[in-house]
């Protein structure tokens, strides 16, 4: 039995400005860097054997800060398949502006639903088609070898993986909000069967 820690990056500059970030590379704020360090303090004694992160700096830097604070100097592998979903024409726009232009209901569908994609962007279903096979194959092998794994990515990537691991429906995942730098800890086997959630 191994541990998989899923975590969204800390607060980014565009999170602070309430903008839809998507696949744009936007750095952490000082608050976000502090969140990454605080997340490690929530996991005293946690052993990590290998870590994966989206190559976008906000995820990569969160992972590095988290590992450093834990005192775990392990390989940190960046994987492009873990990049956040593309918000298409909405990337970079203020969320309140999008709500005003499209309506709150349409915004919620584009932002949180399983099947509806933003104009020119990806749905959560489409994101899952690239993220989940990688995690099942590559990280599944690490888990089968009983390696403890850290995966730091983005809100929708983490939502897709929570959906996969916890076997949630499209309706259930639409209600899930993933906060910045909040470790989700699973004790599970290489087939992603959960024995325990939490430290």
N, C-alpha and C. Protein backbone atom coordinates (compact mmCIF):
# COMPACT_ATOMS: atom_id res chain seq x y z
N UNK A 1 0.85 -1.20 0.00
CA UNK A 1 0.00 0.00 0.00
C UNK A 1 0.89 1.25 0.00
N UNK A 2 0.57 2.19 -0.87
CA UNK A 2 1.37 3.40 -1.00
C UNK A 2 0.48 4.63 -0.80
N UNK A 3 1.10 5.79 -0.79
CA UNK A 3 0.40 7.05 -0.61
C UNK A 3 0.50 7.88 -1.88
N UNK A 4 -0.63 8.44 -2.28
CA UNK A 4 -0.67 9.42 -3.37
C UNK A 4 -1.18 10.73 -2.79
N UNK A 5 -0.38 11.78 -2.93
CA UNK A 5 -0.78 13.11 -2.49
C UNK A 5 -1.09 13.95 -3.73
N UNK A 6 -2.33 14.38 -3.85
CA UNK A 6 -2.74 15.27 -4.93
C UNK A 6 -2.84 16.68 -4.37
N UNK A 7 -2.30 17.65 -5.09
CA UNK A 7 -2.38 19.01 -4.58
C UNK A 7 -2.41 20.02 -5.74
N UNK A 8 -3.32 20.96 -5.62
CA UNK A 8 -3.33 22.10 -6.53
C UNK A 8 -2.22 23.06 -6.09
N UNK A 9 -1.71 23.80 -7.05
CA UNK A 9 -0.68 24.81 -6.75
C UNK A 9 -1.21 25.87 -5.77
N UNK A 10 -0.28 26.63 -5.21
CA UNK A 10 -0.65 27.76 -4.36
C UNK A 10 -1.22 28.91 -5.20
N UNK A 11 -1.63 29.95 -4.51
CA UNK A 11 -2.25 31.09 -5.19
C UNK A 11 -1.31 31.68 -6.25
N UNK A 12 -1.85 31.86 -7.46
CA UNK A 12 -1.09 32.50 -8.53
C UNK A 12 -1.51 33.97 -8.65
N UNK A 13 -0.75 34.69 -9.46
CA UNK A 13 -1.05 36.11 -9.67
C UNK A 13 -2.46 36.30 -10.23
N UNK A 14 -2.87 35.44 -11.17
CA UNK A 14 -4.20 35.58 -11.76
C UNK A 14 -5.30 35.04 -10.85
N UNK A 15 -4.98 34.10 -9.95
CA UNK A 15 -5.95 33.73 -8.91
C UNK A 15 -6.26 34.97 -8.06
N UNK A 16 -5.20 35.69 -7.70
CA UNK A 16 -5.35 36.88 -6.86
C UNK A 16 -6.21 37.93 -7.58
N UNK A 17 -6.06 38.00 -8.92
CA UNK A 17 -6.80 38.99 -9.71
C UNK A 17 -8.15 38.46 -10.21
N UNK A 18 -8.52 37.25 -9.77
CA UNK A 18 -9.81 36.64 -10.12
C UNK A 18 -9.96 36.44 -11.63
N UNK A 19 -8.86 36.02 -12.28
CA UNK A 19 -8.88 35.78 -13.71
C UNK A 19 -8.80 34.29 -14.01
N UNK A 20 -9.40 33.87 -15.12
CA UNK A 20 -9.33 32.48 -15.57
C UNK A 20 -7.95 32.23 -16.17
N UNK A 21 -7.18 31.38 -15.54
CA UNK A 21 -5.78 31.22 -15.92
C UNK A 21 -5.58 30.14 -16.97
N UNK A 22 -6.18 28.95 -16.75
CA UNK A 22 -6.06 27.87 -17.71
C UNK A 22 -4.62 27.48 -17.97
N UNK A 23 -4.26 27.35 -19.26
CA UNK A 23 -2.94 26.83 -19.62
C UNK A 23 -1.87 27.92 -19.75
N UNK A 24 -2.19 29.16 -19.33
CA UNK A 24 -1.21 30.25 -19.35
C UNK A 24 -0.26 30.08 -18.15
N UNK A 25 1.02 30.33 -18.37
CA UNK A 25 2.01 30.18 -17.30
C UNK A 25 2.07 31.48 -16.48
N UNK A 26 1.45 31.44 -15.32
CA UNK A 26 1.38 32.61 -14.43
C UNK A 26 2.05 32.23 -13.10
N UNK A 27 2.92 33.09 -12.56
CA UNK A 27 3.68 32.72 -11.36
C UNK A 27 2.86 32.76 -10.08
N UNK A 28 3.43 32.13 -9.06
CA UNK A 28 2.87 32.20 -7.71
C UNK A 28 3.02 33.61 -7.15
N UNK A 29 2.08 33.98 -6.28
CA UNK A 29 2.25 35.18 -5.46
C UNK A 29 3.05 34.78 -4.22
N UNK A 30 3.43 35.77 -3.43
CA UNK A 30 4.09 35.46 -2.15
C UNK A 30 3.14 34.68 -1.25
N UNK A 31 1.84 35.01 -1.32
CA UNK A 31 0.85 34.23 -0.57
C UNK A 31 0.88 32.77 -1.02
N UNK A 32 0.93 32.55 -2.33
CA UNK A 32 0.97 31.19 -2.88
C UNK A 32 2.20 30.43 -2.42
N UNK A 33 3.34 31.09 -2.37
CA UNK A 33 4.57 30.43 -1.90
C UNK A 33 4.40 30.05 -0.42
N UNK A 34 3.80 30.95 0.35
CA UNK A 34 3.54 30.64 1.75
C UNK A 34 2.58 29.48 1.93
N UNK A 35 1.57 29.39 1.04
CA UNK A 35 0.61 28.28 1.09
C UNK A 35 1.30 26.94 0.85
N UNK A 36 2.25 26.91 -0.08
CA UNK A 36 2.98 25.67 -0.37
C UNK A 36 3.76 25.20 0.84
N UNK A 37 4.39 26.15 1.53
CA UNK A 37 5.16 25.81 2.74
C UNK A 37 4.23 25.37 3.86
N UNK A 38 3.10 26.09 4.02
CA UNK A 38 2.13 25.73 5.06
C UNK A 38 1.55 24.34 4.81
N UNK A 39 1.36 23.97 3.53
CA UNK A 39 0.83 22.64 3.21
C UNK A 39 1.77 21.54 3.71
N UNK A 40 3.08 21.77 3.59
CA UNK A 40 4.04 20.79 4.08
C UNK A 40 3.95 20.63 5.59
N UNK A 41 3.67 21.73 6.28
CA UNK A 41 3.56 21.68 7.74
C UNK A 41 2.34 20.87 8.19
N UNK A 42 1.36 20.70 7.28
CA UNK A 42 0.19 19.87 7.59
C UNK A 42 0.50 18.38 7.47
N UNK A 43 1.67 18.05 6.93
CA UNK A 43 2.01 16.65 6.63
C UNK A 43 3.31 16.24 7.30
N UNK A 44 3.45 16.44 8.62
CA UNK A 44 4.73 16.12 9.27
C UNK A 44 5.06 14.63 9.14
N UNK A 45 6.31 14.35 8.81
CA UNK A 45 6.75 12.96 8.72
C UNK A 45 6.38 12.26 7.44
N UNK A 46 5.71 12.95 6.53
CA UNK A 46 5.32 12.31 5.27
C UNK A 46 6.56 12.01 4.43
N UNK A 47 6.67 10.77 3.97
CA UNK A 47 7.77 10.38 3.09
C UNK A 47 7.29 10.37 1.65
N UNK A 48 8.00 11.06 0.80
CA UNK A 48 7.71 11.07 -0.64
C UNK A 48 8.89 10.44 -1.36
N UNK A 49 8.61 9.54 -2.31
CA UNK A 49 9.67 8.89 -3.07
C UNK A 49 9.87 9.49 -4.45
N UNK A 50 8.81 10.01 -5.03
CA UNK A 50 8.89 10.60 -6.36
C UNK A 50 7.77 11.62 -6.50
N UNK A 51 8.03 12.68 -7.26
CA UNK A 51 7.04 13.75 -7.40
C UNK A 51 6.86 14.10 -8.87
N UNK A 52 5.63 14.45 -9.21
CA UNK A 52 5.27 14.89 -10.56
C UNK A 52 4.59 16.25 -10.45
N UNK A 53 4.83 17.09 -11.45
CA UNK A 53 4.17 18.40 -11.48
C UNK A 53 3.91 18.81 -12.92
N UNK A 54 2.89 19.61 -13.09
CA UNK A 54 2.70 20.32 -14.35
C UNK A 54 3.94 21.19 -14.58
N UNK A 55 4.35 21.37 -15.84
CA UNK A 55 5.51 22.22 -16.09
C UNK A 55 5.24 23.71 -15.91
N UNK A 56 3.98 24.10 -15.75
CA UNK A 56 3.68 25.51 -15.50
C UNK A 56 4.27 25.91 -14.15
N UNK A 57 4.88 27.08 -14.08
CA UNK A 57 5.71 27.44 -12.93
C UNK A 57 4.95 27.43 -11.61
N UNK A 58 3.67 27.77 -11.63
CA UNK A 58 2.94 27.83 -10.36
C UNK A 58 2.82 26.44 -9.72
N UNK A 59 2.72 25.40 -10.55
CA UNK A 59 2.66 24.02 -10.03
C UNK A 59 4.05 23.51 -9.68
N UNK A 60 4.98 23.73 -10.58
CA UNK A 60 6.35 23.24 -10.37
C UNK A 60 6.96 23.87 -9.11
N UNK A 61 6.75 25.18 -8.94
CA UNK A 61 7.33 25.85 -7.78
C UNK A 61 6.64 25.43 -6.48
N UNK A 62 5.33 25.20 -6.54
CA UNK A 62 4.61 24.70 -5.35
C UNK A 62 5.18 23.35 -4.92
N UNK A 63 5.37 22.47 -5.88
CA UNK A 63 5.92 21.14 -5.56
C UNK A 63 7.31 21.26 -4.94
N UNK A 64 8.16 22.11 -5.53
CA UNK A 64 9.52 22.26 -5.02
C UNK A 64 9.54 22.81 -3.60
N UNK A 65 8.71 23.82 -3.34
CA UNK A 65 8.63 24.41 -2.00
C UNK A 65 8.10 23.41 -0.98
N UNK A 66 7.07 22.65 -1.37
CA UNK A 66 6.47 21.64 -0.49
C UNK A 66 7.51 20.59 -0.12
N UNK A 67 8.23 20.07 -1.13
CA UNK A 67 9.23 19.03 -0.88
C UNK A 67 10.38 19.55 -0.03
N UNK A 68 10.81 20.78 -0.33
CA UNK A 68 11.92 21.37 0.43
C UNK A 68 11.55 21.51 1.90
N UNK A 69 10.34 21.99 2.17
CA UNK A 69 9.91 22.17 3.56
C UNK A 69 9.79 20.83 4.28
N UNK A 70 9.39 19.79 3.53
CA UNK A 70 9.31 18.44 4.12
C UNK A 70 10.69 17.83 4.33
N UNK A 71 11.70 18.40 3.68
CA UNK A 71 13.04 17.80 3.72
C UNK A 71 13.14 16.56 2.86
N UNK A 72 12.33 16.52 1.80
CA UNK A 72 12.31 15.36 0.90
C UNK A 72 12.94 15.78 -0.43
N UNK A 73 14.18 15.39 -0.65
CA UNK A 73 14.90 15.78 -1.86
C UNK A 73 14.85 14.61 -2.84
N UNK A 74 13.78 14.57 -3.61
CA UNK A 74 13.48 13.43 -4.48
C UNK A 74 13.30 13.94 -5.91
N UNK A 75 13.30 13.03 -6.89
CA UNK A 75 13.09 13.48 -8.27
C UNK A 75 11.75 14.20 -8.43
N UNK A 76 11.78 15.35 -9.12
CA UNK A 76 10.57 16.11 -9.46
C UNK A 76 10.46 16.11 -10.98
N UNK A 77 9.49 15.38 -11.48
CA UNK A 77 9.32 15.19 -12.92
C UNK A 77 8.20 16.09 -13.42
N UNK A 78 8.48 16.91 -14.40
CA UNK A 78 7.43 17.74 -14.99
C UNK A 78 6.82 17.01 -16.18
N UNK A 79 5.49 17.07 -16.26
CA UNK A 79 4.76 16.31 -17.29
C UNK A 79 3.73 17.22 -17.95
N UNK A 80 3.90 17.50 -19.27
CA UNK A 80 2.97 18.39 -19.97
C UNK A 80 1.51 17.93 -19.95
N UNK A 81 1.27 16.63 -19.82
CA UNK A 81 -0.12 16.15 -19.77
C UNK A 81 -0.86 16.66 -18.54
N UNK A 82 -0.12 17.16 -17.54
CA UNK A 82 -0.74 17.64 -16.31
C UNK A 82 -1.07 19.14 -16.33
N UNK A 83 -0.89 19.79 -17.49
CA UNK A 83 -1.23 21.21 -17.61
C UNK A 83 -2.74 21.40 -17.44
N UNK A 84 -3.11 22.53 -16.86
CA UNK A 84 -4.52 22.85 -16.62
C UNK A 84 -5.32 22.85 -17.91
N UNK A 85 -6.64 22.67 -17.77
CA UNK A 85 -7.49 22.70 -18.96
C UNK A 85 -7.41 24.07 -19.63
N UNK A 86 -7.55 24.03 -20.94
CA UNK A 86 -7.50 25.25 -21.73
C UNK A 86 -8.87 25.92 -21.67
N UNK A 87 -8.89 27.18 -21.26
CA UNK A 87 -10.15 27.93 -21.19
C UNK A 87 -10.44 28.69 -22.48
N UNK A 88 -9.64 28.43 -23.53
CA UNK A 88 -9.94 28.99 -24.84
C UNK A 88 -10.02 30.51 -24.82
N UNK A 89 -11.12 31.03 -25.35
CA UNK A 89 -11.31 32.47 -25.47
C UNK A 89 -11.44 33.17 -24.11
N UNK A 90 -11.67 32.38 -23.05
CA UNK A 90 -11.88 32.98 -21.73
C UNK A 90 -10.58 33.15 -20.93
N UNK A 91 -9.49 32.56 -21.41
CA UNK A 91 -8.24 32.63 -20.65
C UNK A 91 -7.81 34.08 -20.47
N UNK A 92 -7.47 34.42 -19.24
CA UNK A 92 -7.00 35.75 -18.91
C UNK A 92 -8.09 36.74 -18.55
N UNK A 93 -9.36 36.33 -18.76
CA UNK A 93 -10.46 37.26 -18.48
C UNK A 93 -10.85 37.19 -17.00
N UNK A 94 -11.30 38.31 -16.48
CA UNK A 94 -11.81 38.36 -15.12
C UNK A 94 -13.10 37.54 -15.04
N UNK A 95 -13.24 36.75 -13.99
CA UNK A 95 -14.40 35.87 -13.86
C UNK A 95 -15.71 36.64 -13.80
N UNK A 96 -15.70 37.80 -13.15
CA UNK A 96 -16.94 38.59 -13.07
C UNK A 96 -17.33 39.13 -14.45
N UNK A 97 -16.34 39.47 -15.25
CA UNK A 97 -16.62 39.93 -16.62
C UNK A 97 -17.25 38.80 -17.44
N UNK A 98 -16.73 37.58 -17.28
CA UNK A 98 -17.28 36.43 -18.02
C UNK A 98 -18.72 36.16 -17.59
N UNK A 99 -18.98 36.24 -16.28
CA UNK A 99 -20.34 36.05 -15.78
C UNK A 99 -21.29 37.10 -16.36
N UNK A 100 -20.83 38.34 -16.44
CA UNK A 100 -21.67 39.42 -16.97
C UNK A 100 -21.94 39.22 -18.45
N UNK A 101 -20.95 38.71 -19.18
CA UNK A 101 -21.09 38.56 -20.63
C UNK A 101 -21.89 37.33 -21.02
N UNK A 102 -21.66 36.21 -20.33
CA UNK A 102 -22.29 34.94 -20.70
C UNK A 102 -23.46 34.55 -19.79
N UNK A 103 -23.55 35.15 -18.62
CA UNK A 103 -24.53 34.75 -17.63
C UNK A 103 -23.92 33.79 -16.63
N UNK A 104 -24.42 33.83 -15.41
CA UNK A 104 -23.85 33.01 -14.33
C UNK A 104 -24.01 31.52 -14.62
N UNK A 105 -25.17 31.13 -15.13
CA UNK A 105 -25.41 29.70 -15.39
C UNK A 105 -24.45 29.16 -16.44
N UNK A 106 -24.25 29.90 -17.53
CA UNK A 106 -23.32 29.47 -18.57
C UNK A 106 -21.88 29.45 -18.05
N UNK A 107 -21.53 30.46 -17.24
CA UNK A 107 -20.20 30.50 -16.64
C UNK A 107 -19.96 29.25 -15.79
N UNK A 108 -20.93 28.92 -14.95
CA UNK A 108 -20.78 27.75 -14.08
C UNK A 108 -20.62 26.46 -14.89
N UNK A 109 -21.37 26.35 -15.98
CA UNK A 109 -21.25 25.17 -16.84
C UNK A 109 -19.86 25.09 -17.46
N UNK A 110 -19.38 26.19 -18.00
CA UNK A 110 -18.06 26.19 -18.65
C UNK A 110 -16.93 25.98 -17.64
N UNK A 111 -17.14 26.47 -16.44
CA UNK A 111 -16.08 26.45 -15.43
C UNK A 111 -16.06 25.14 -14.63
N UNK A 112 -17.22 24.56 -14.36
CA UNK A 112 -17.28 23.44 -13.41
C UNK A 112 -17.90 22.15 -13.95
N UNK A 113 -18.66 22.22 -15.04
CA UNK A 113 -19.36 21.00 -15.48
C UNK A 113 -18.40 20.00 -16.12
N UNK A 114 -18.88 18.81 -16.33
CA UNK A 114 -18.06 17.72 -16.89
C UNK A 114 -17.98 17.80 -18.40
N UNK A 115 -19.08 18.10 -19.06
CA UNK A 115 -19.15 17.98 -20.51
C UNK A 115 -19.04 19.28 -21.29
N UNK A 116 -19.31 20.41 -20.66
CA UNK A 116 -19.37 21.68 -21.39
C UNK A 116 -17.99 22.35 -21.38
N UNK A 117 -17.50 22.68 -22.59
CA UNK A 117 -16.19 23.34 -22.72
C UNK A 117 -16.38 24.84 -22.93
N UNK A 118 -15.45 25.66 -22.45
CA UNK A 118 -15.48 27.09 -22.81
C UNK A 118 -15.26 27.23 -24.32
N UNK A 119 -15.64 28.34 -24.92
CA UNK A 119 -15.43 28.51 -26.36
C UNK A 119 -13.96 28.38 -26.74
N UNK A 120 -13.66 27.42 -27.59
CA UNK A 120 -12.28 27.20 -28.01
C UNK A 120 -11.42 26.47 -26.99
N UNK A 121 -12.03 25.98 -25.91
CA UNK A 121 -11.26 25.34 -24.84
C UNK A 121 -11.64 23.89 -24.61
N UNK A 122 -11.28 23.36 -23.45
CA UNK A 122 -11.47 21.95 -23.10
C UNK A 122 -12.55 21.80 -22.03
N UNK A 123 -13.29 20.71 -22.10
CA UNK A 123 -14.18 20.32 -21.00
C UNK A 123 -13.38 19.47 -20.00
N UNK A 124 -13.95 19.24 -18.84
CA UNK A 124 -13.32 18.36 -17.86
C UNK A 124 -13.20 16.95 -18.41
N UNK A 125 -14.20 16.51 -19.18
CA UNK A 125 -14.15 15.18 -19.80
C UNK A 125 -12.94 15.08 -20.73
N UNK A 126 -12.73 16.11 -21.55
CA UNK A 126 -11.60 16.09 -22.49
C UNK A 126 -10.28 16.14 -21.75
N UNK A 127 -10.20 16.93 -20.69
CA UNK A 127 -8.99 16.97 -19.88
C UNK A 127 -8.69 15.59 -19.31
N UNK A 128 -9.73 14.90 -18.82
CA UNK A 128 -9.54 13.57 -18.25
C UNK A 128 -8.99 12.57 -19.24
N UNK A 129 -9.32 12.74 -20.51
CA UNK A 129 -8.83 11.81 -21.54
C UNK A 129 -7.32 11.90 -21.73
N UNK A 130 -6.72 13.03 -21.36
CA UNK A 130 -5.26 13.11 -21.44
C UNK A 130 -4.58 12.87 -20.10
N UNK A 131 -5.25 13.27 -19.01
CA UNK A 131 -4.62 13.17 -17.69
C UNK A 131 -4.72 11.76 -17.11
N UNK A 132 -5.91 11.18 -17.14
CA UNK A 132 -6.13 9.91 -16.43
C UNK A 132 -5.32 8.74 -16.96
N UNK A 133 -5.17 8.55 -18.29
CA UNK A 133 -4.34 7.43 -18.75
C UNK A 133 -2.89 7.54 -18.29
N UNK A 134 -2.34 8.75 -18.31
CA UNK A 134 -0.97 8.93 -17.82
C UNK A 134 -0.86 8.54 -16.35
N UNK A 135 -1.80 9.02 -15.55
CA UNK A 135 -1.74 8.74 -14.11
C UNK A 135 -1.94 7.24 -13.86
N UNK A 136 -2.89 6.64 -14.54
CA UNK A 136 -3.12 5.19 -14.34
C UNK A 136 -1.88 4.38 -14.70
N UNK A 137 -1.24 4.74 -15.81
CA UNK A 137 -0.12 3.94 -16.28
C UNK A 137 1.16 4.23 -15.52
N UNK A 138 1.59 5.49 -15.52
CA UNK A 138 2.90 5.83 -14.97
C UNK A 138 2.88 5.89 -13.44
N UNK A 139 1.94 6.63 -12.88
CA UNK A 139 1.88 6.73 -11.42
C UNK A 139 1.37 5.42 -10.83
N UNK A 140 0.48 4.74 -11.56
CA UNK A 140 0.04 3.41 -11.12
C UNK A 140 1.21 2.46 -10.93
N UNK A 141 2.20 2.55 -11.83
CA UNK A 141 3.39 1.69 -11.69
C UNK A 141 4.20 2.07 -10.45
N UNK A 142 4.34 3.36 -10.19
CA UNK A 142 5.02 3.78 -8.96
C UNK A 142 4.32 3.22 -7.72
N UNK A 143 2.99 3.30 -7.73
CA UNK A 143 2.22 2.80 -6.58
C UNK A 143 2.37 1.28 -6.44
N UNK A 144 2.40 0.58 -7.56
CA UNK A 144 2.60 -0.88 -7.50
C UNK A 144 3.96 -1.23 -6.90
N UNK A 145 4.93 -0.34 -7.11
CA UNK A 145 6.26 -0.53 -6.53
C UNK A 145 6.33 0.01 -5.10
N UNK A 146 5.14 0.41 -4.56
CA UNK A 146 5.00 0.93 -3.21
C UNK A 146 5.80 2.20 -2.97
N UNK A 147 5.85 3.04 -4.01
CA UNK A 147 6.45 4.36 -3.87
C UNK A 147 5.36 5.36 -3.48
N UNK A 148 5.68 6.24 -2.56
CA UNK A 148 4.78 7.33 -2.21
C UNK A 148 4.97 8.46 -3.22
N UNK A 149 3.87 8.95 -3.77
CA UNK A 149 3.91 9.87 -4.90
C UNK A 149 3.24 11.20 -4.53
N UNK A 150 3.90 12.30 -4.91
CA UNK A 150 3.30 13.63 -4.85
C UNK A 150 2.98 14.07 -6.28
N UNK A 151 1.75 14.56 -6.49
CA UNK A 151 1.37 15.11 -7.80
C UNK A 151 0.81 16.51 -7.57
N UNK A 152 1.49 17.52 -8.14
CA UNK A 152 1.04 18.90 -7.99
C UNK A 152 0.66 19.43 -9.38
N UNK A 153 -0.58 19.87 -9.49
CA UNK A 153 -1.06 20.35 -10.79
C UNK A 153 -2.04 21.50 -10.56
N UNK A 154 -3.18 21.43 -11.21
CA UNK A 154 -4.13 22.54 -11.26
C UNK A 154 -5.51 22.07 -10.82
N UNK A 155 -6.39 23.03 -10.54
CA UNK A 155 -7.70 22.69 -9.98
C UNK A 155 -8.45 21.65 -10.76
N UNK A 156 -8.54 21.81 -12.08
CA UNK A 156 -9.32 20.86 -12.87
C UNK A 156 -8.62 19.53 -13.06
N UNK A 157 -7.29 19.54 -13.10
CA UNK A 157 -6.54 18.28 -13.15
C UNK A 157 -6.81 17.49 -11.87
N UNK A 158 -6.73 18.16 -10.73
CA UNK A 158 -6.98 17.48 -9.45
C UNK A 158 -8.43 17.00 -9.38
N UNK A 159 -9.38 17.82 -9.85
CA UNK A 159 -10.78 17.40 -9.86
C UNK A 159 -10.97 16.14 -10.71
N UNK A 160 -10.33 16.08 -11.86
CA UNK A 160 -10.43 14.91 -12.73
C UNK A 160 -9.90 13.66 -12.03
N UNK A 161 -8.81 13.82 -11.30
CA UNK A 161 -8.22 12.66 -10.62
C UNK A 161 -9.03 12.26 -9.39
N UNK A 162 -9.59 13.23 -8.68
CA UNK A 162 -10.51 12.89 -7.58
C UNK A 162 -11.70 12.12 -8.12
N UNK A 163 -12.21 12.57 -9.25
CA UNK A 163 -13.35 11.88 -9.89
C UNK A 163 -12.99 10.43 -10.21
N UNK A 164 -11.79 10.22 -10.76
CA UNK A 164 -11.33 8.87 -11.11
C UNK A 164 -11.16 8.00 -9.87
N UNK A 165 -10.46 8.53 -8.86
CA UNK A 165 -10.12 7.73 -7.68
C UNK A 165 -11.34 7.44 -6.82
N UNK A 166 -12.19 8.47 -6.63
CA UNK A 166 -13.35 8.31 -5.75
C UNK A 166 -14.60 7.85 -6.50
N UNK A 167 -14.44 7.64 -7.83
CA UNK A 167 -15.54 7.13 -8.67
C UNK A 167 -16.79 8.03 -8.57
N UNK A 168 -16.56 9.33 -8.75
CA UNK A 168 -17.65 10.29 -8.67
C UNK A 168 -18.37 10.40 -10.02
N UNK A 169 -19.63 10.79 -9.97
CA UNK A 169 -20.41 11.01 -11.18
C UNK A 169 -20.14 12.42 -11.71
N UNK A 170 -20.52 12.69 -12.98
CA UNK A 170 -20.39 14.06 -13.49
C UNK A 170 -21.13 15.08 -12.63
N UNK A 171 -22.26 14.69 -12.08
CA UNK A 171 -23.02 15.60 -11.22
C UNK A 171 -22.27 15.87 -9.91
N UNK A 172 -21.66 14.84 -9.36
CA UNK A 172 -20.93 14.99 -8.09
C UNK A 172 -19.67 15.84 -8.28
N UNK A 173 -18.94 15.62 -9.37
CA UNK A 173 -17.69 16.36 -9.55
C UNK A 173 -17.95 17.84 -9.82
N UNK A 174 -19.12 18.15 -10.37
CA UNK A 174 -19.46 19.56 -10.62
C UNK A 174 -19.53 20.36 -9.32
N UNK A 175 -19.75 19.67 -8.20
CA UNK A 175 -19.87 20.34 -6.89
C UNK A 175 -18.53 20.46 -6.16
N UNK A 176 -17.49 19.83 -6.71
CA UNK A 176 -16.20 19.80 -6.02
C UNK A 176 -15.37 21.02 -6.38
N UNK A 177 -14.96 21.74 -5.37
CA UNK A 177 -14.04 22.88 -5.52
C UNK A 177 -12.73 22.50 -4.86
N UNK A 178 -11.63 22.70 -5.55
CA UNK A 178 -10.31 22.34 -5.02
C UNK A 178 -9.58 23.62 -4.64
N UNK A 179 -9.29 23.78 -3.37
CA UNK A 179 -8.60 24.97 -2.90
C UNK A 179 -7.11 24.94 -3.22
N UNK A 180 -6.47 26.09 -3.13
CA UNK A 180 -5.04 26.16 -3.41
C UNK A 180 -4.23 25.52 -2.29
N UNK A 181 -3.24 24.72 -2.70
CA UNK A 181 -2.26 24.11 -1.79
C UNK A 181 -2.91 23.39 -0.61
N UNK A 182 -3.90 22.56 -0.92
CA UNK A 182 -4.54 21.73 0.10
C UNK A 182 -4.30 20.26 -0.24
N UNK A 183 -3.39 19.59 0.47
CA UNK A 183 -3.05 18.21 0.12
C UNK A 183 -4.24 17.26 0.29
N UNK A 184 -4.48 16.47 -0.75
CA UNK A 184 -5.47 15.39 -0.71
C UNK A 184 -4.68 14.09 -0.64
N UNK A 185 -4.76 13.38 0.47
CA UNK A 185 -3.90 12.22 0.71
C UNK A 185 -4.72 10.94 0.60
N UNK A 186 -4.25 10.03 -0.26
CA UNK A 186 -4.91 8.73 -0.44
C UNK A 186 -3.91 7.61 -0.17
N UNK A 187 -4.35 6.62 0.61
CA UNK A 187 -3.61 5.36 0.77
C UNK A 187 -4.27 4.38 -0.19
N UNK A 188 -3.51 3.90 -1.17
CA UNK A 188 -4.15 3.09 -2.20
C UNK A 188 -3.14 2.16 -2.86
N UNK A 189 -3.66 1.23 -3.65
CA UNK A 189 -2.79 0.29 -4.35
C UNK A 189 -2.62 0.74 -5.81
N UNK A 190 -1.89 -0.06 -6.59
CA UNK A 190 -1.59 0.29 -7.96
C UNK A 190 -2.79 0.31 -8.88
N UNK A 191 -3.91 -0.25 -8.42
CA UNK A 191 -5.15 -0.19 -9.19
C UNK A 191 -6.05 0.95 -8.73
N UNK A 192 -5.51 1.79 -7.86
CA UNK A 192 -6.22 2.98 -7.35
C UNK A 192 -7.44 2.62 -6.48
N UNK A 193 -7.35 1.49 -5.80
CA UNK A 193 -8.35 1.12 -4.81
C UNK A 193 -7.96 1.79 -3.49
N UNK A 194 -8.85 2.61 -2.97
CA UNK A 194 -8.53 3.42 -1.79
C UNK A 194 -8.77 2.62 -0.50
N UNK A 195 -7.74 2.54 0.34
CA UNK A 195 -7.88 1.92 1.65
C UNK A 195 -8.22 2.97 2.70
N UNK A 196 -7.73 4.19 2.49
CA UNK A 196 -7.92 5.25 3.48
C UNK A 196 -7.69 6.59 2.80
N UNK A 197 -8.44 7.60 3.22
CA UNK A 197 -8.21 8.96 2.75
C UNK A 197 -7.78 9.80 3.93
N UNK A 198 -6.73 10.58 3.77
CA UNK A 198 -6.19 11.39 4.86
C UNK A 198 -4.91 10.78 5.40
N UNK A 199 -4.19 11.56 6.19
CA UNK A 199 -2.90 11.07 6.75
C UNK A 199 -3.13 9.99 7.79
